[in-house]
Amino acid sequence: MELKQLVANLWADMHNQNWDNLSEYFSGDAVIRFHDTNEQLDRDEFVSLNAQFPGGWSIEVERLIQAEDTVISVVKVTPRDDPDSKLDSYYTTSFFEFGDGKIIKLDEYWCICGAPPEEWREGTQIGKPIR
């Protein structure tokens, strides 16, 4: 199977909260890094973290790019239609490295969706909303 399709399938399983499927995408000694929180996880910790995360979310894949044995994805993660959800919306850019058809390394960079970060920018008329 094409590596881009494997990443698309992984995101679909995460969107559908099919936690039992997640470990199948990763090698047993995979390394997962969340650079924004300075954390490193192994495969089982990654699966456990996602399965235990409170609330639900929707995942929309916006970009998938493959370069040799690396796939880069950009996804938007938003709360599901849950009035009690405490989740914000995020973008994550992920770099998946593969070996023998399994993810051996995953580097993720998360950012919260929101307004420009500084009050001084609000009145500058610099830039315009993307959406």
C-alpha atoms as a PDB file:
ATOM      1  CA  MET A   1       0.000   0.000   0.000  1.00  0.00           C
ATOM      2  CA  GLU A   2       1.207   3.528  -0.776  1.00  0.00           C
ATOM      3  CA  LEU A   3       2.644   5.294   2.293  1.00  0.00           C
ATOM      4  CA  LYS A   4       0.376   8.327   1.807  1.00  0.00           C
ATOM      5  CA  GLN A   5      -2.615   5.989   1.967  1.00  0.00           C
ATOM      6  CA  LEU A   6      -1.333   4.470   5.218  1.00  0.00           C
ATOM      7  CA  VAL A   7      -1.189   7.949   6.774  1.00  0.00           C
ATOM      8  CA  ALA A   8      -4.671   8.759   5.438  1.00  0.00           C
ATOM      9  CA  ASN A   9      -5.936   5.501   6.975  1.00  0.00           C
ATOM     10  CA  LEU A  10      -4.258   6.318  10.295  1.00  0.00           C
ATOM     11  CA  TRP A  11      -5.957   9.709  10.426  1.00  0.00           C
ATOM     12  CA  ALA A  12      -9.298   8.077   9.508  1.00  0.00           C
ATOM     13  CA  ASP A  13      -8.898   5.603  12.383  1.00  0.00           C
ATOM     14  CA  MET A  14      -8.043   8.464  14.735  1.00  0.00           C
ATOM     15  CA  HIS A  15     -11.062  10.442  13.490  1.00  0.00           C
ATOM     16  CA  ASN A  16     -13.278   7.395  14.102  1.00  0.00           C
ATOM     17  CA  GLN A  17     -11.541   6.655  17.420  1.00  0.00           C
ATOM     18  CA  ASN A  18     -10.599   3.129  16.337  1.00  0.00           C
ATOM     19  CA  TRP A  19      -7.917   2.852  19.013  1.00  0.00           C
ATOM     20  CA  ASP A  20      -7.424  -0.895  18.557  1.00  0.00           C
ATOM     21  CA  ASN A  21      -6.134  -0.251  15.020  1.00  0.00           C
ATOM     22  CA  LEU A  22      -3.490   2.367  15.843  1.00  0.00           C
ATOM     23  CA  SER A  23      -0.612   0.146  16.929  1.00  0.00           C
ATOM     24  CA  GLU A  24      -0.725  -1.693  13.586  1.00  0.00           C
ATOM     25  CA  TYR A  25       0.607   1.388  11.780  1.00  0.00           C
ATOM     26  CA  PHE A  26       3.773   1.607  13.913  1.00  0.00           C
ATOM     27  CA  SER A  27       6.865  -0.529  14.303  1.00  0.00           C
ATOM     28  CA  GLY A  28       7.378  -1.932  17.791  1.00  0.00           C
ATOM     29  CA  ASP A  29      10.251   0.472  18.470  1.00  0.00           C
ATOM     30  CA  ALA A  30       8.672   3.574  16.915  1.00  0.00           C
ATOM     31  CA  VAL A  31       9.519   6.960  18.373  1.00  0.00           C
ATOM     32  CA  ILE A  32       6.828   9.660  18.528  1.00  0.00           C
ATOM     33  CA  ARG A  33       7.778  13.233  19.423  1.00  0.00           C
ATOM     34  CA  PHE A  34       5.475  16.130  20.267  1.00  0.00           C
ATOM     35  CA  HIS A  35       7.858  19.040  19.837  1.00  0.00           C
ATOM     36  CA  ASP A  36       5.479  21.710  21.151  1.00  0.00           C
ATOM     37  CA  THR A  37       5.268  19.966  24.565  1.00  0.00           C
ATOM     38  CA  ASN A  38       8.786  18.475  24.519  1.00  0.00           C
ATOM     39  CA  GLU A  39       7.504  14.894  24.905  1.00  0.00           C
ATOM     40  CA  GLN A  40       8.668  11.597  23.463  1.00  0.00           C
ATOM     41  CA  LEU A  41       6.433   8.529  23.433  1.00  0.00           C
ATOM     42  CA  ASP A  42       6.683   4.962  22.272  1.00  0.00           C
ATOM     43  CA  ARG A  43       3.987   3.228  20.230  1.00  0.00           C
ATOM     44  CA  ASP A  44       1.994   1.937  23.202  1.00  0.00           C
ATOM     45  CA  GLU A  45       2.119   5.293  24.992  1.00  0.00           C
ATOM     46  CA  PHE A  46       0.895   7.030  21.826  1.00  0.00           C
ATOM     47  CA  VAL A  47      -2.063   4.670  21.519  1.00  0.00           C
ATOM     48  CA  SER A  48      -2.861   4.957  25.237  1.00  0.00           C
ATOM     49  CA  LEU A  49      -2.628   8.759  25.212  1.00  0.00           C
ATOM     50  CA  ASN A  50      -5.065   9.048  22.319  1.00  0.00           C
ATOM     51  CA  ALA A  51      -7.480   6.475  23.743  1.00  0.00           C
ATOM     52  CA  GLN A  52      -7.547   8.221  27.127  1.00  0.00           C
ATOM     53  CA  PHE A  53      -7.838  11.775  25.812  1.00  0.00           C
ATOM     54  CA  PRO A  54     -11.088  13.292  27.130  1.00  0.00           C
ATOM     55  CA  GLY A  55     -13.799  14.208  24.648  1.00  0.00           C
ATOM     56  CA  GLY A  56     -13.954  13.532  20.967  1.00  0.00           C
ATOM     57  CA  TRP A  57     -12.640  15.312  17.933  1.00  0.00           C
ATOM     58  CA  SER A  58     -12.972  15.470  14.204  1.00  0.00           C
ATOM     59  CA  ILE A  59      -9.917  15.273  11.991  1.00  0.00           C
ATOM     60  CA  GLU A  60      -9.792  16.797   8.527  1.00  0.00           C
ATOM     61  CA  VAL A  61      -6.757  15.985   6.411  1.00  0.00           C
ATOM     62  CA  GLU A  62      -5.777  19.094   4.456  1.00  0.00           C
ATOM     63  CA  ARG A  63      -2.468  17.983   2.889  1.00  0.00           C
ATOM     64  CA  LEU A  64      -0.518  14.795   2.340  1.00  0.00           C
ATOM     65  CA  ILE A  65       2.911  14.935   0.718  1.00  0.00           C
ATOM     66  CA  GLN A  66       5.262  12.009   0.174  1.00  0.00           C
ATOM     67  CA  ALA A  67       9.010  12.270  -0.335  1.00  0.00           C
ATOM     68  CA  GLU A  68      10.659   8.843  -0.523  1.00  0.00           C
ATOM     69  CA  ASP A  69      10.009   7.100   2.853  1.00  0.00           C
ATOM     70  CA  THR A  70       8.589  10.210   4.532  1.00  0.00           C
ATOM     71  CA  VAL A  71       4.991  11.444   4.488  1.00  0.00           C
ATOM     72  CA  ILE A  72       4.075  14.925   5.677  1.00  0.00           C
ATOM     73  CA  SER A  73       0.504  15.643   6.704  1.00  0.00           C
ATOM     74  CA  VAL A  74      -1.350  18.759   7.761  1.00  0.00           C
ATOM     75  CA  VAL A  75      -4.604  18.139   9.602  1.00  0.00           C
ATOM     76  CA  LYS A  76      -7.152  20.264  11.406  1.00  0.00           C
ATOM     77  CA  VAL A  77      -8.423  18.834  14.678  1.00  0.00           C
ATOM     78  CA  THR A  78     -11.729  20.240  15.966  1.00  0.00           C
ATOM     79  CA  PRO A  79     -14.080  19.278  18.794  1.00  0.00           C
ATOM     80  CA  ARG A  80     -16.928  16.967  17.858  1.00  0.00           C
ATOM     81  CA  ASP A  81     -20.474  18.198  18.317  1.00  0.00           C
ATOM     82  CA  ASP A  82     -20.235  17.885  22.077  1.00  0.00           C
ATOM     83  CA  PRO A  83     -21.569  20.837  24.096  1.00  0.00           C
ATOM     84  CA  ASP A  84     -19.408  19.803  27.068  1.00  0.00           C
ATOM     85  CA  SER A  85     -16.200  19.637  25.044  1.00  0.00           C
ATOM     86  CA  LYS A  86     -13.296  21.591  26.487  1.00  0.00           C
ATOM     87  CA  LEU A  87     -11.197  21.141  23.341  1.00  0.00           C
ATOM     88  CA  ASP A  88      -9.882  23.955  21.200  1.00  0.00           C
ATOM     89  CA  SER A  89      -9.247  23.593  17.479  1.00  0.00           C
ATOM     90  CA  TYR A  90      -5.713  22.836  16.359  1.00  0.00           C
ATOM     91  CA  TYR A  91      -3.569  22.312  13.318  1.00  0.00           C
ATOM     92  CA  THR A  92      -0.907  19.667  13.392  1.00  0.00           C
ATOM     93  CA  THR A  93       1.895  19.173  10.932  1.00  0.00           C
ATOM     94  CA  SER A  94       3.259  15.639  11.137  1.00  0.00           C
ATOM     95  CA  PHE A  95       6.336  14.026   9.634  1.00  0.00           C
ATOM     96  CA  PHE A  96       5.994  10.243   9.346  1.00  0.00           C
ATOM     97  CA  GLU A  97       9.124   8.220   8.568  1.00  0.00           C
ATOM     98  CA  PHE A  98       8.628   4.633   7.399  1.00  0.00           C
ATOM     99  CA  GLY A  99      10.649   1.443   7.430  1.00  0.00           C
ATOM    100  CA  ASP A 100       9.301  -1.860   6.069  1.00  0.00           C
ATOM    101  CA  GLY A 101       5.843  -0.323   5.640  1.00  0.00           C
ATOM    102  CA  LYS A 102       5.527   0.751   9.299  1.00  0.00           C
ATOM    103  CA  ILE A 103       5.961   4.137  10.968  1.00  0.00           C
ATOM    104  CA  ILE A 104       9.337   4.204  12.688  1.00  0.00           C
ATOM    105  CA  LYS A 105       9.387   7.890  13.602  1.00  0.00           C
ATOM    106  CA  LEU A 106       6.665  10.514  13.964  1.00  0.00           C
ATOM    107  CA  ASP A 107       7.433  14.168  14.659  1.00  0.00           C
ATOM    108  CA  GLU A 108       4.392  16.355  15.347  1.00  0.00           C
ATOM    109  CA  TYR A 109       4.042  20.112  15.663  1.00  0.00           C
ATOM    110  CA  TRP A 110       0.726  21.381  17.082  1.00  0.00           C
ATOM    111  CA  CYS A 111      -0.664  24.906  17.099  1.00  0.00           C
ATOM    112  CA  ILE A 112      -3.944  26.294  18.355  1.00  0.00           C
ATOM    113  CA  CYS A 113      -6.296  27.983  15.907  1.00  0.00           C
ATOM    114  CA  GLY A 114      -7.046  31.523  16.932  1.00  0.00           C
ATOM    115  CA  ALA A 115      -6.732  35.215  16.386  1.00  0.00           C
ATOM    116  CA  PRO A 116      -3.382  36.933  15.831  1.00  0.00           C
ATOM    117  CA  PRO A 117      -1.383  36.563  19.037  1.00  0.00           C
ATOM    118  CA  GLU A 118      -0.806  40.214  19.867  1.00  0.00           C
ATOM    119  CA  GLU A 119      -3.411  42.894  20.570  1.00  0.00           C
ATOM    120  CA  TRP A 120      -1.377  45.496  18.685  1.00  0.00           C
ATOM    121  CA  ARG A 121      -1.988  43.607  15.419  1.00  0.00           C
ATOM    122  CA  GLU A 122      -5.783  43.863  15.652  1.00  0.00           C
ATOM    123  CA  GLY A 123      -5.912  47.455  14.419  1.00  0.00           C
ATOM    124  CA  THR A 124      -3.066  47.311  11.897  1.00  0.00           C
ATOM    125  CA  GLN A 125      -5.038  46.040   8.880  1.00  0.00           C
ATOM    126  CA  ILE A 126      -2.067  43.769   8.152  1.00  0.00           C
ATOM    127  CA  GLY A 127      -3.125  40.417   6.714  1.00  0.00           C
ATOM    128  CA  LYS A 128      -6.585  38.993   6.251  1.00  0.00           C
ATOM    129  CA  PRO A 129      -8.343  35.819   7.426  1.00  0.00           C
ATOM    130  CA  ILE A 130      -7.608  32.652   5.451  1.00  0.00           C
ATOM    131  CA  ARG A 131     -11.111  31.273   6.008  1.00  0.00           C
END
